[in-house]
């Protein structure tokens, strides 16, 4: 797949403004959805005529899976998640939705596929490298396609993921950033779970939360 065949659309969804990503191979029309968040109607409109072949979850906090049932119903595409958060899909206490004043807690079917660190996925004509990047949550994963990294809530533009939620751990997050994300090429574009995209080089140089982190 050439770089020109990868189309990336971003949809900030719901009250959390969680970035859902729609990746389309413009050569084949095959499409991948990453992190279908809450109130997903704008994204659903965008994918209703697309051939969605997979749904990738960086992690299973409520704001990243709030639209999962709707996308599944529309596309019947298989879901991929790290095994440490497989049970979060079915348990509102684990995914956090029981702690918010929602019309109803979020309950999804289990994912069809479980991810492993270092795994390579071949989906929609894309070669996707899976990196287990815990810290924000135990099963957080980042997906790398060429120079594009979809990292969920691990690393943001001049910020990092929160670690005060159940299963979060600051030291683990720092290791994920240093030993996984910062090992990517400096020109790698990071597409985070919230806020604008950034680059590895920019975060190495300007992110105040990682000052002193580099060896």
N, C-alpha and C. Protein backbone atom coordinates (compact mmCIF):
# COMPACT_ATOMS: atom_id res chain seq x y z
N UNK A 1 0.83 -1.20 0.00
CA UNK A 1 0.00 0.00 0.00
C UNK A 1 0.87 1.25 0.00
N UNK A 2 0.59 2.16 -0.90
CA UNK A 2 1.34 3.40 -0.92
C UNK A 2 0.71 4.39 0.05
N UNK A 3 1.54 5.35 0.48
CA UNK A 3 1.06 6.38 1.41
C UNK A 3 -0.16 7.11 0.85
N UNK A 4 -0.22 7.27 -0.46
CA UNK A 4 -1.31 8.01 -1.07
C UNK A 4 -2.64 7.28 -0.98
N UNK A 5 -2.61 5.99 -0.71
CA UNK A 5 -3.85 5.22 -0.64
C UNK A 5 -4.51 5.26 0.74
N UNK A 6 -3.85 5.86 1.72
CA UNK A 6 -4.40 5.93 3.07
C UNK A 6 -5.12 7.24 3.29
N UNK A 7 -6.43 7.17 3.42
CA UNK A 7 -7.25 8.34 3.75
C UNK A 7 -7.61 8.27 5.22
N UNK A 8 -7.37 9.36 5.96
CA UNK A 8 -7.63 9.40 7.40
C UNK A 8 -8.65 10.49 7.70
N UNK A 9 -9.78 10.11 8.26
CA UNK A 9 -10.79 11.05 8.72
C UNK A 9 -10.87 10.97 10.24
N UNK A 10 -11.06 12.11 10.89
CA UNK A 10 -11.18 12.14 12.35
C UNK A 10 -12.53 12.74 12.72
N UNK A 11 -13.17 12.13 13.72
CA UNK A 11 -14.47 12.59 14.20
C UNK A 11 -14.41 12.72 15.72
N UNK A 12 -14.31 13.95 16.25
CA UNK A 12 -14.37 14.14 17.71
C UNK A 12 -15.82 13.92 18.17
N UNK A 13 -16.03 12.89 18.98
CA UNK A 13 -17.38 12.45 19.30
C UNK A 13 -17.72 12.64 20.77
N UNK A 14 -18.98 13.00 21.01
CA UNK A 14 -19.54 13.00 22.35
C UNK A 14 -19.03 14.11 23.24
N UNK A 15 -19.47 14.07 24.49
CA UNK A 15 -19.11 15.11 25.45
C UNK A 15 -17.61 15.09 25.76
N UNK A 16 -16.97 13.94 25.58
CA UNK A 16 -15.54 13.83 25.84
C UNK A 16 -14.71 14.25 24.63
N UNK A 17 -15.37 14.51 23.50
CA UNK A 17 -14.66 14.85 22.26
C UNK A 17 -13.56 13.83 21.97
N UNK A 18 -13.95 12.58 21.99
CA UNK A 18 -13.02 11.49 21.72
C UNK A 18 -12.83 11.32 20.22
N UNK A 19 -11.59 11.26 19.80
CA UNK A 19 -11.29 11.14 18.38
C UNK A 19 -11.55 9.72 17.89
N UNK A 20 -12.52 9.57 17.02
CA UNK A 20 -12.70 8.33 16.28
C UNK A 20 -12.06 8.51 14.91
N UNK A 21 -11.34 7.50 14.47
CA UNK A 21 -10.63 7.59 13.20
C UNK A 21 -11.21 6.60 12.20
N UNK A 22 -11.39 7.08 10.97
CA UNK A 22 -11.87 6.25 9.88
C UNK A 22 -10.76 6.20 8.84
N UNK A 23 -10.17 5.02 8.67
CA UNK A 23 -9.06 4.83 7.74
C UNK A 23 -9.57 4.08 6.52
N UNK A 24 -9.39 4.67 5.36
CA UNK A 24 -9.88 4.05 4.13
C UNK A 24 -8.75 3.84 3.15
N UNK A 25 -8.70 2.66 2.59
CA UNK A 25 -7.79 2.37 1.48
C UNK A 25 -8.49 2.86 0.22
N UNK A 26 -8.01 3.97 -0.32
CA UNK A 26 -8.69 4.58 -1.46
C UNK A 26 -8.59 3.73 -2.73
N UNK A 27 -7.69 2.76 -2.70
CA UNK A 27 -7.58 1.87 -3.84
C UNK A 27 -8.65 0.79 -3.87
N UNK A 28 -8.99 0.27 -2.67
CA UNK A 28 -9.95 -0.83 -2.58
C UNK A 28 -11.28 -0.42 -1.97
N UNK A 29 -11.28 0.70 -1.25
CA UNK A 29 -12.50 1.13 -0.55
C UNK A 29 -12.67 0.50 0.81
N UNK A 30 -11.80 -0.45 1.16
CA UNK A 30 -11.91 -1.09 2.48
C UNK A 30 -11.56 -0.08 3.57
N UNK A 31 -12.25 -0.20 4.71
CA UNK A 31 -12.17 0.82 5.75
C UNK A 31 -12.01 0.18 7.12
N UNK A 32 -11.25 0.85 7.98
CA UNK A 32 -11.07 0.47 9.38
C UNK A 32 -11.56 1.61 10.26
N UNK A 33 -12.28 1.28 11.32
CA UNK A 33 -12.69 2.27 12.32
C UNK A 33 -11.87 2.05 13.58
N UNK A 34 -11.32 3.13 14.12
CA UNK A 34 -10.58 3.07 15.38
C UNK A 34 -11.33 3.89 16.43
N UNK A 35 -11.66 3.26 17.54
CA UNK A 35 -12.27 3.91 18.71
C UNK A 35 -13.58 4.64 18.40
N UNK A 36 -14.65 3.90 18.13
CA UNK A 36 -15.95 4.54 17.90
C UNK A 36 -16.55 5.05 19.20
N UNK A 37 -16.47 6.35 19.41
CA UNK A 37 -16.87 6.94 20.68
C UNK A 37 -18.37 7.20 20.79
N UNK A 38 -18.72 7.92 21.85
CA UNK A 38 -20.11 8.18 22.17
C UNK A 38 -20.72 9.18 21.19
N UNK A 39 -22.04 9.11 21.05
CA UNK A 39 -22.78 9.96 20.11
C UNK A 39 -22.12 9.91 18.72
N UNK A 40 -22.10 8.72 18.11
CA UNK A 40 -21.28 8.50 16.92
C UNK A 40 -21.95 8.89 15.60
N UNK A 41 -23.08 9.58 15.64
CA UNK A 41 -23.85 9.83 14.41
C UNK A 41 -23.03 10.43 13.27
N UNK A 42 -22.18 11.43 13.50
CA UNK A 42 -21.40 11.97 12.37
C UNK A 42 -20.52 10.92 11.71
N UNK A 43 -19.91 10.06 12.52
CA UNK A 43 -19.08 9.00 11.96
C UNK A 43 -19.91 7.95 11.25
N UNK A 44 -21.07 7.62 11.80
CA UNK A 44 -21.93 6.63 11.16
C UNK A 44 -22.36 7.09 9.77
N UNK A 45 -22.63 8.38 9.65
CA UNK A 45 -22.99 8.91 8.33
C UNK A 45 -21.85 8.76 7.34
N UNK A 46 -20.63 8.92 7.85
CA UNK A 46 -19.46 8.86 6.97
C UNK A 46 -19.15 7.44 6.51
N UNK A 47 -19.52 6.45 7.31
CA UNK A 47 -19.14 5.07 6.97
C UNK A 47 -20.31 4.25 6.42
N UNK A 48 -21.49 4.83 6.33
CA UNK A 48 -22.66 4.01 5.98
C UNK A 48 -22.55 3.38 4.60
N UNK A 49 -21.78 4.01 3.72
CA UNK A 49 -21.61 3.44 2.37
C UNK A 49 -20.20 2.88 2.14
N UNK A 50 -19.45 2.74 3.24
CA UNK A 50 -18.10 2.20 3.14
C UNK A 50 -18.08 0.72 3.50
N UNK A 51 -17.06 0.04 3.04
CA UNK A 51 -16.87 -1.38 3.36
C UNK A 51 -15.96 -1.47 4.58
N UNK A 52 -16.57 -1.40 5.77
CA UNK A 52 -15.80 -1.46 7.02
C UNK A 52 -15.46 -2.92 7.32
N UNK A 53 -14.17 -3.21 7.43
CA UNK A 53 -13.73 -4.60 7.59
C UNK A 53 -13.15 -4.89 8.97
N UNK A 54 -12.96 -3.85 9.79
CA UNK A 54 -12.42 -4.07 11.13
C UNK A 54 -12.68 -2.86 12.01
N UNK A 55 -12.81 -3.12 13.31
CA UNK A 55 -12.93 -2.09 14.33
C UNK A 55 -11.82 -2.32 15.33
N UNK A 56 -10.88 -1.38 15.41
CA UNK A 56 -9.75 -1.49 16.32
C UNK A 56 -9.98 -0.60 17.54
N UNK A 57 -9.74 -1.14 18.72
CA UNK A 57 -9.91 -0.39 19.96
C UNK A 57 -8.55 -0.20 20.63
N UNK A 58 -8.18 1.06 20.84
CA UNK A 58 -6.94 1.32 21.57
C UNK A 58 -7.09 0.92 23.03
N UNK A 59 -8.29 1.10 23.58
CA UNK A 59 -8.62 0.65 24.92
C UNK A 59 -10.13 0.74 25.10
N UNK A 60 -10.62 0.34 26.25
CA UNK A 60 -12.07 0.16 26.41
C UNK A 60 -12.69 1.07 27.45
N UNK A 61 -12.15 2.28 27.63
CA UNK A 61 -12.87 3.26 28.44
C UNK A 61 -14.15 3.66 27.73
N UNK A 62 -15.14 4.06 28.50
CA UNK A 62 -16.47 4.32 27.96
C UNK A 62 -16.48 5.28 26.78
N UNK A 63 -15.62 6.30 26.80
CA UNK A 63 -15.66 7.30 25.74
C UNK A 63 -15.06 6.80 24.44
N UNK A 64 -14.38 5.65 24.48
CA UNK A 64 -13.80 5.08 23.27
C UNK A 64 -14.63 3.93 22.70
N UNK A 65 -15.62 3.46 23.45
CA UNK A 65 -16.45 2.35 22.99
C UNK A 65 -17.94 2.70 22.98
N UNK A 66 -18.26 3.96 23.26
CA UNK A 66 -19.67 4.33 23.37
C UNK A 66 -20.48 4.13 22.11
N UNK A 67 -19.83 4.16 20.95
CA UNK A 67 -20.52 3.95 19.68
C UNK A 67 -20.27 2.58 19.08
N UNK A 68 -19.62 1.70 19.84
CA UNK A 68 -19.25 0.40 19.29
C UNK A 68 -20.45 -0.42 18.86
N UNK A 69 -21.48 -0.45 19.67
CA UNK A 69 -22.66 -1.25 19.30
C UNK A 69 -23.29 -0.74 18.01
N UNK A 70 -23.31 0.57 17.83
CA UNK A 70 -23.89 1.14 16.61
C UNK A 70 -23.06 0.78 15.38
N UNK A 71 -21.74 0.86 15.50
CA UNK A 71 -20.88 0.54 14.36
C UNK A 71 -20.96 -0.94 14.03
N UNK A 72 -21.01 -1.75 15.04
CA UNK A 72 -21.15 -3.20 14.81
C UNK A 72 -22.46 -3.51 14.09
N UNK A 73 -23.54 -2.89 14.55
CA UNK A 73 -24.84 -3.15 13.95
C UNK A 73 -24.87 -2.73 12.49
N UNK A 74 -24.18 -1.62 12.18
CA UNK A 74 -24.17 -1.10 10.82
C UNK A 74 -23.27 -1.90 9.90
N UNK A 75 -22.12 -2.34 10.41
CA UNK A 75 -21.08 -2.90 9.54
C UNK A 75 -20.85 -4.40 9.70
N UNK A 76 -21.20 -4.94 10.87
CA UNK A 76 -20.92 -6.35 11.18
C UNK A 76 -19.44 -6.67 11.11
N UNK A 77 -18.61 -5.66 11.34
CA UNK A 77 -17.15 -5.84 11.28
C UNK A 77 -16.64 -6.42 12.59
N UNK A 78 -15.58 -7.24 12.52
CA UNK A 78 -15.00 -7.81 13.74
C UNK A 78 -14.23 -6.75 14.53
N UNK A 79 -14.18 -6.98 15.84
CA UNK A 79 -13.55 -6.04 16.77
C UNK A 79 -12.24 -6.64 17.29
N UNK A 80 -11.25 -5.76 17.47
CA UNK A 80 -9.94 -6.15 17.98
C UNK A 80 -9.65 -5.38 19.25
N UNK A 81 -9.21 -6.08 20.31
CA UNK A 81 -8.87 -5.43 21.57
C UNK A 81 -7.81 -6.26 22.29
N UNK A 82 -7.06 -5.63 23.18
CA UNK A 82 -6.10 -6.38 23.99
C UNK A 82 -6.84 -7.24 25.01
N UNK A 83 -6.36 -8.46 25.27
CA UNK A 83 -7.08 -9.36 26.17
C UNK A 83 -7.27 -8.82 27.58
N UNK A 84 -6.39 -7.94 28.04
CA UNK A 84 -6.55 -7.39 29.38
C UNK A 84 -7.81 -6.54 29.52
N UNK A 85 -8.38 -6.11 28.39
CA UNK A 85 -9.60 -5.30 28.46
C UNK A 85 -10.77 -5.94 27.72
N UNK A 86 -10.64 -7.21 27.40
CA UNK A 86 -11.75 -7.92 26.78
C UNK A 86 -13.01 -7.86 27.67
N UNK A 87 -12.85 -8.08 28.96
CA UNK A 87 -13.99 -8.07 29.87
C UNK A 87 -14.57 -6.67 30.09
N UNK A 88 -13.79 -5.64 29.78
CA UNK A 88 -14.28 -4.27 29.95
C UNK A 88 -15.45 -3.99 29.01
N UNK A 89 -15.47 -4.66 27.88
CA UNK A 89 -16.56 -4.42 26.92
C UNK A 89 -17.91 -4.82 27.50
N UNK A 90 -17.92 -5.85 28.31
CA UNK A 90 -19.19 -6.38 28.83
C UNK A 90 -19.52 -5.89 30.22
N UNK A 91 -18.60 -5.19 30.87
CA UNK A 91 -18.76 -4.81 32.28
C UNK A 91 -18.73 -3.28 32.45
N UNK A 92 -19.87 -2.65 32.73
CA UNK A 92 -19.91 -1.19 32.89
C UNK A 92 -19.05 -0.67 34.03
N UNK A 93 -18.81 -1.50 35.05
CA UNK A 93 -17.95 -1.06 36.14
C UNK A 93 -16.50 -0.96 35.67
N UNK A 94 -16.08 -1.87 34.81
CA UNK A 94 -14.72 -1.83 34.29
C UNK A 94 -14.53 -0.74 33.25
N UNK A 95 -15.48 -0.58 32.33
CA UNK A 95 -15.31 0.46 31.30
C UNK A 95 -15.65 1.86 31.80
N UNK A 96 -16.17 1.94 33.00
CA UNK A 96 -16.40 3.23 33.64
C UNK A 96 -17.75 3.84 33.41
N UNK A 97 -18.57 3.24 32.57
CA UNK A 97 -19.86 3.88 32.24
C UNK A 97 -20.84 3.85 33.39
N UNK A 98 -20.66 2.94 34.35
CA UNK A 98 -21.56 2.90 35.50
C UNK A 98 -21.34 4.07 36.46
N UNK A 99 -20.21 4.74 36.31
CA UNK A 99 -19.88 5.86 37.20
C UNK A 99 -20.34 7.21 36.65
N UNK A 100 -20.92 7.21 35.46
CA UNK A 100 -21.39 8.44 34.85
C UNK A 100 -22.91 8.42 34.73
N UNK A 101 -23.49 9.59 34.71
CA UNK A 101 -24.94 9.70 34.63
C UNK A 101 -25.38 9.57 33.18
N UNK A 102 -25.26 8.36 32.65
CA UNK A 102 -25.64 8.08 31.28
C UNK A 102 -27.07 7.54 31.23
N UNK A 103 -27.75 7.66 30.09
CA UNK A 103 -29.09 7.08 29.97
C UNK A 103 -29.10 5.60 30.33
N UNK A 104 -28.04 4.91 29.96
CA UNK A 104 -27.85 3.50 30.34
C UNK A 104 -26.37 3.16 30.26
N UNK A 105 -25.91 2.24 31.09
CA UNK A 105 -24.49 1.87 31.03
C UNK A 105 -24.15 1.21 29.71
N UNK A 106 -22.86 1.24 29.36
CA UNK A 106 -22.39 0.70 28.09
C UNK A 106 -22.05 -0.78 28.26
N UNK A 107 -22.73 -1.61 27.52
CA UNK A 107 -22.48 -3.05 27.51
C UNK A 107 -22.35 -3.49 26.06
N UNK A 108 -21.23 -4.09 25.72
CA UNK A 108 -20.98 -4.57 24.36
C UNK A 108 -20.68 -6.06 24.38
N UNK A 109 -20.82 -6.68 23.23
CA UNK A 109 -20.39 -8.06 23.09
C UNK A 109 -18.85 -8.12 23.13
N UNK A 110 -18.32 -9.26 23.50
CA UNK A 110 -16.89 -9.44 23.52
C UNK A 110 -16.31 -9.28 22.11
N UNK A 111 -15.05 -8.89 22.05
CA UNK A 111 -14.38 -8.72 20.77
C UNK A 111 -14.08 -10.07 20.14
N UNK A 112 -14.13 -10.10 18.82
CA UNK A 112 -13.84 -11.34 18.10
C UNK A 112 -12.35 -11.68 18.08
N UNK A 113 -11.50 -10.65 18.22
CA UNK A 113 -10.05 -10.86 18.10
C UNK A 113 -9.32 -10.17 19.24
N UNK A 114 -8.27 -10.83 19.74
CA UNK A 114 -7.45 -10.25 20.79
C UNK A 114 -6.06 -9.92 20.25
N UNK A 115 -5.54 -8.79 20.70
CA UNK A 115 -4.28 -8.26 20.20
C UNK A 115 -3.11 -8.70 21.07
N UNK A 116 -1.92 -8.72 20.48
CA UNK A 116 -0.69 -9.04 21.20
C UNK A 116 0.40 -8.05 20.84
N UNK A 117 1.23 -7.73 21.81
CA UNK A 117 2.33 -6.81 21.58
C UNK A 117 3.25 -7.35 20.50
N UNK A 118 3.59 -6.52 19.54
CA UNK A 118 4.47 -6.92 18.45
C UNK A 118 3.78 -7.61 17.30
N UNK A 119 2.48 -7.80 17.44
CA UNK A 119 1.71 -8.47 16.38
C UNK A 119 1.63 -7.59 15.14
N UNK A 120 1.61 -8.23 13.98
CA UNK A 120 1.39 -7.52 12.73
C UNK A 120 0.05 -7.95 12.14
N UNK A 121 -0.82 -6.98 11.90
CA UNK A 121 -2.11 -7.24 11.28
C UNK A 121 -2.07 -6.82 9.82
N UNK A 122 -2.67 -7.62 8.99
CA UNK A 122 -2.84 -7.26 7.57
C UNK A 122 -4.33 -7.09 7.33
N UNK A 123 -4.77 -5.84 7.33
CA UNK A 123 -6.20 -5.55 7.21
C UNK A 123 -6.39 -4.42 6.20
N UNK A 124 -7.34 -4.59 5.32
CA UNK A 124 -7.72 -3.56 4.34
C UNK A 124 -6.54 -3.13 3.47
N UNK A 125 -5.59 -4.02 3.29
CA UNK A 125 -4.41 -3.67 2.50
C UNK A 125 -3.36 -2.91 3.28
N UNK A 126 -3.59 -2.71 4.59
CA UNK A 126 -2.64 -2.00 5.44
C UNK A 126 -1.85 -3.02 6.27
N UNK A 127 -0.58 -2.74 6.49
CA UNK A 127 0.21 -3.49 7.46
C UNK A 127 0.23 -2.69 8.75
N UNK A 128 -0.34 -3.28 9.81
CA UNK A 128 -0.54 -2.57 11.06
C UNK A 128 0.28 -3.23 12.15
N UNK A 129 1.20 -2.47 12.74
CA UNK A 129 2.01 -2.97 13.84
C UNK A 129 1.29 -2.65 15.15
N UNK A 130 1.12 -3.66 15.97
CA UNK A 130 0.45 -3.50 17.26
C UNK A 130 1.50 -3.34 18.36
N UNK A 131 1.37 -2.28 19.15
CA UNK A 131 2.23 -2.08 20.31
C UNK A 131 1.37 -2.01 21.56
N UNK A 132 1.66 -2.86 22.53
CA UNK A 132 0.99 -2.77 23.83
C UNK A 132 1.62 -1.62 24.59
N UNK A 133 0.84 -0.56 24.86
CA UNK A 133 1.36 0.65 25.49
C UNK A 133 0.53 0.97 26.73
N UNK A 134 0.63 0.15 27.79
CA UNK A 134 -0.19 0.36 28.98
C UNK A 134 0.26 1.56 29.80
N UNK A 135 -0.54 1.87 30.79
CA UNK A 135 -0.26 2.98 31.70
C UNK A 135 -1.49 3.81 31.91
N UNK A 136 -2.10 4.27 30.82
CA UNK A 136 -3.40 4.92 30.92
C UNK A 136 -4.45 3.90 31.32
N UNK A 137 -4.34 2.72 30.74
CA UNK A 137 -5.16 1.57 31.11
C UNK A 137 -4.32 0.32 30.86
N UNK A 138 -4.68 -0.81 31.48
CA UNK A 138 -3.82 -2.00 31.38
C UNK A 138 -3.65 -2.54 29.97
N UNK A 139 -4.68 -2.44 29.15
CA UNK A 139 -4.63 -3.03 27.83
C UNK A 139 -4.48 -2.04 26.70
N UNK A 140 -4.07 -0.82 27.00
CA UNK A 140 -3.93 0.19 25.95
C UNK A 140 -2.98 -0.28 24.86
N UNK A 141 -3.38 -0.09 23.61
CA UNK A 141 -2.56 -0.44 22.46
C UNK A 141 -2.44 0.74 21.51
N UNK A 142 -1.32 0.78 20.81
CA UNK A 142 -1.11 1.76 19.75
C UNK A 142 -0.97 1.00 18.44
N UNK A 143 -1.50 1.60 17.36
CA UNK A 143 -1.49 0.97 16.04
C UNK A 143 -0.66 1.83 15.09
N UNK A 144 0.37 1.24 14.51
CA UNK A 144 1.28 1.97 13.65
C UNK A 144 1.13 1.48 12.22
N UNK A 145 0.84 2.42 11.32
CA UNK A 145 0.76 2.15 9.89
C UNK A 145 1.74 3.09 9.21
N UNK A 146 2.87 2.57 8.77
CA UNK A 146 3.87 3.44 8.18
C UNK A 146 4.33 4.49 9.17
N UNK A 147 4.14 5.76 8.80
CA UNK A 147 4.55 6.83 9.72
C UNK A 147 3.36 7.40 10.47
N UNK A 148 2.30 6.62 10.60
CA UNK A 148 1.09 7.07 11.31
C UNK A 148 0.88 6.18 12.53
N UNK A 149 0.72 6.80 13.70
CA UNK A 149 0.53 6.06 14.95
C UNK A 149 -0.77 6.50 15.62
N UNK A 150 -1.67 5.56 15.82
CA UNK A 150 -2.95 5.82 16.49
C UNK A 150 -2.82 5.29 17.91
N UNK A 151 -2.59 6.21 18.85
CA UNK A 151 -2.13 5.82 20.17
C UNK A 151 -3.13 5.93 21.30
N UNK A 152 -4.39 6.23 21.01
CA UNK A 152 -5.36 6.35 22.09
C UNK A 152 -4.97 7.43 23.08
N UNK A 153 -5.05 7.12 24.36
CA UNK A 153 -4.83 8.14 25.40
C UNK A 153 -3.47 7.99 26.08
N UNK A 154 -2.47 7.57 25.32
CA UNK A 154 -1.13 7.42 25.88
C UNK A 154 -0.37 8.74 25.83
N UNK A 155 -0.32 9.34 24.65
CA UNK A 155 0.46 10.56 24.42
C UNK A 155 -0.38 11.56 23.64
N UNK A 156 -0.41 12.80 24.14
CA UNK A 156 -1.14 13.87 23.48
C UNK A 156 -0.17 14.97 23.05
N UNK A 157 -0.68 15.93 22.30
CA UNK A 157 0.12 17.10 21.95
C UNK A 157 0.44 17.87 23.23
N UNK A 158 1.70 17.82 23.65
CA UNK A 158 2.22 18.47 24.85
C UNK A 158 1.48 18.05 26.11
N UNK A 159 1.06 16.79 26.15
CA UNK A 159 0.44 16.24 27.34
C UNK A 159 0.57 14.72 27.30
N UNK A 160 0.10 14.06 28.35
CA UNK A 160 0.12 12.60 28.43
C UNK A 160 -1.23 12.13 28.97
N UNK A 161 -1.46 10.84 28.85
CA UNK A 161 -2.71 10.28 29.35
C UNK A 161 -2.78 10.32 30.86
N UNK A 162 -4.00 10.43 31.37
CA UNK A 162 -4.18 10.43 32.82
C UNK A 162 -3.98 9.01 33.35
N UNK A 163 -3.54 8.93 34.59
CA UNK A 163 -3.24 7.63 35.19
C UNK A 163 -3.98 7.43 36.51
N UNK A 164 -4.96 8.29 36.79
CA UNK A 164 -5.68 8.22 38.06
C UNK A 164 -6.96 7.38 37.98
N UNK A 165 -7.24 6.82 36.81
CA UNK A 165 -8.40 5.95 36.68
C UNK A 165 -8.02 4.52 37.07
N UNK A 166 -9.00 3.68 37.41
CA UNK A 166 -8.69 2.30 37.79
C UNK A 166 -7.86 1.59 36.72
N UNK A 167 -6.77 0.98 37.14
CA UNK A 167 -5.88 0.29 36.21
C UNK A 167 -4.80 1.15 35.62
N UNK A 168 -4.83 2.46 35.90
CA UNK A 168 -3.80 3.35 35.40
C UNK A 168 -2.56 3.32 36.27
N UNK A 169 -1.41 3.62 35.68
CA UNK A 169 -0.15 3.62 36.44
C UNK A 169 0.84 4.56 35.75
N UNK A 170 1.29 5.56 36.47
CA UNK A 170 2.14 6.60 35.88
C UNK A 170 3.46 6.04 35.38
N UNK A 171 4.15 5.25 36.21
CA UNK A 171 5.46 4.74 35.81
C UNK A 171 5.33 3.85 34.57
N UNK A 172 4.27 3.05 34.51
CA UNK A 172 4.05 2.20 33.35
C UNK A 172 3.81 3.03 32.10
N UNK A 173 3.06 4.13 32.25
CA UNK A 173 2.82 5.02 31.12
C UNK A 173 4.11 5.62 30.61
N UNK A 174 4.98 6.05 31.51
CA UNK A 174 6.24 6.64 31.10
C UNK A 174 7.11 5.63 30.34
N UNK A 175 7.08 4.37 30.78
CA UNK A 175 7.83 3.34 30.08
C UNK A 175 7.26 3.12 28.68
N UNK A 176 5.94 3.13 28.56
CA UNK A 176 5.32 2.96 27.24
C UNK A 176 5.73 4.07 26.29
N UNK A 177 5.75 5.29 26.80
CA UNK A 177 6.11 6.43 25.96
C UNK A 177 7.58 6.35 25.55
N UNK A 178 8.45 6.08 26.53
CA UNK A 178 9.89 6.09 26.23
C UNK A 178 10.31 4.88 25.41
N UNK A 179 9.87 3.70 25.81
CA UNK A 179 10.40 2.48 25.20
C UNK A 179 9.63 2.04 23.96
N UNK A 180 8.44 2.56 23.76
CA UNK A 180 7.65 2.17 22.59
C UNK A 180 7.48 3.36 21.64
N UNK A 181 6.75 4.38 22.07
CA UNK A 181 6.43 5.48 21.15
C UNK A 181 7.67 6.27 20.74
N UNK A 182 8.56 6.55 21.70
CA UNK A 182 9.73 7.36 21.37
C UNK A 182 10.80 6.58 20.62
N UNK A 183 10.56 5.29 20.40
CA UNK A 183 11.44 4.50 19.54
C UNK A 183 11.01 4.57 18.07
N UNK A 184 9.82 5.14 17.83
CA UNK A 184 9.36 5.33 16.46
C UNK A 184 10.17 6.45 15.81
N UNK A 185 10.16 6.50 14.49
CA UNK A 185 10.85 7.58 13.78
C UNK A 185 10.32 8.94 14.22
N UNK A 186 11.21 9.92 14.26
CA UNK A 186 10.82 11.25 14.74
C UNK A 186 9.71 11.88 13.91
N UNK A 187 9.63 11.52 12.62
CA UNK A 187 8.60 12.13 11.78
C UNK A 187 7.26 11.38 11.85
N UNK A 188 7.17 10.40 12.74
CA UNK A 188 5.90 9.68 12.90
C UNK A 188 4.82 10.63 13.41
N UNK A 189 3.68 10.59 12.77
CA UNK A 189 2.54 11.41 13.18
C UNK A 189 1.73 10.64 14.20
N UNK A 190 1.45 11.27 15.34
CA UNK A 190 0.68 10.65 16.41
C UNK A 190 -0.74 11.19 16.36
N UNK A 191 -1.69 10.28 16.25
CA UNK A 191 -3.11 10.62 16.25
C UNK A 191 -3.68 10.19 17.60
N UNK A 192 -3.89 11.14 18.52
CA UNK A 192 -4.28 10.76 19.88
C UNK A 192 -5.79 10.59 20.04
N UNK A 193 -6.17 10.11 21.21
CA UNK A 193 -7.59 9.90 21.50
C UNK A 193 -8.36 11.18 21.72
N UNK A 194 -7.66 12.27 21.99
CA UNK A 194 -8.30 13.57 22.19
C UNK A 194 -7.34 14.65 21.69
N UNK A 195 -7.88 15.71 21.12
CA UNK A 195 -7.07 16.83 20.71
C UNK A 195 -6.38 16.63 19.38
N UNK A 196 -5.50 17.58 19.02
CA UNK A 196 -4.90 17.58 17.68
C UNK A 196 -3.79 16.55 17.55
N UNK A 197 -3.49 16.23 16.30
CA UNK A 197 -2.38 15.32 16.03
C UNK A 197 -1.06 16.03 16.32
N UNK A 198 0.00 15.24 16.45
CA UNK A 198 1.32 15.79 16.73
C UNK A 198 2.36 14.87 16.10
N UNK A 199 3.62 15.06 16.42
CA UNK A 199 4.67 14.17 15.92
C UNK A 199 5.54 13.72 17.09
N UNK A 200 6.23 12.62 16.89
CA UNK A 200 7.15 12.14 17.91
C UNK A 200 8.22 13.18 18.19
N UNK A 201 8.77 13.77 17.13
CA UNK A 201 9.80 14.79 17.30
C UNK A 201 9.31 15.97 18.14
N UNK A 202 8.10 16.43 17.85
CA UNK A 202 7.54 17.56 18.60
C UNK A 202 7.38 17.23 20.08
N UNK A 203 6.93 16.03 20.37
CA UNK A 203 6.72 15.67 21.78
C UNK A 203 8.04 15.45 22.51
N UNK A 204 9.02 14.93 21.82
CA UNK A 204 10.35 14.80 22.44
C UNK A 204 10.90 16.17 22.84
N UNK A 205 10.60 17.17 22.05
CA UNK A 205 11.21 18.48 22.25
C UNK A 205 10.37 19.46 23.06
N UNK A 206 9.04 19.31 23.02
CA UNK A 206 8.21 20.35 23.60
C UNK A 206 7.19 19.87 24.64
N UNK A 207 7.09 18.58 24.85
CA UNK A 207 6.11 18.08 25.81
C UNK A 207 6.67 18.21 27.23
N UNK A 208 6.09 19.08 28.07
CA UNK A 208 6.66 19.30 29.41
C UNK A 208 6.55 18.09 30.32
N UNK A 209 5.67 17.16 30.00
CA UNK A 209 5.48 15.98 30.86
C UNK A 209 6.54 14.92 30.64
N UNK A 210 7.31 15.04 29.59
CA UNK A 210 8.35 14.04 29.33
C UNK A 210 9.75 14.64 29.42
N UNK A 211 9.88 15.86 29.94
CA UNK A 211 11.18 16.47 30.14
C UNK A 211 12.02 15.59 31.06
N UNK A 212 13.21 15.26 30.61
CA UNK A 212 14.08 14.41 31.41
C UNK A 212 13.82 12.93 31.20
N UNK A 213 12.81 12.60 30.39
CA UNK A 213 12.48 11.20 30.16
C UNK A 213 13.46 10.53 29.22
N UNK A 214 13.96 11.28 28.25
CA UNK A 214 14.85 10.70 27.26
C UNK A 214 16.19 10.33 27.87
N UNK A 215 16.67 9.16 27.50
CA UNK A 215 17.97 8.71 28.00
C UNK A 215 19.09 9.48 27.29
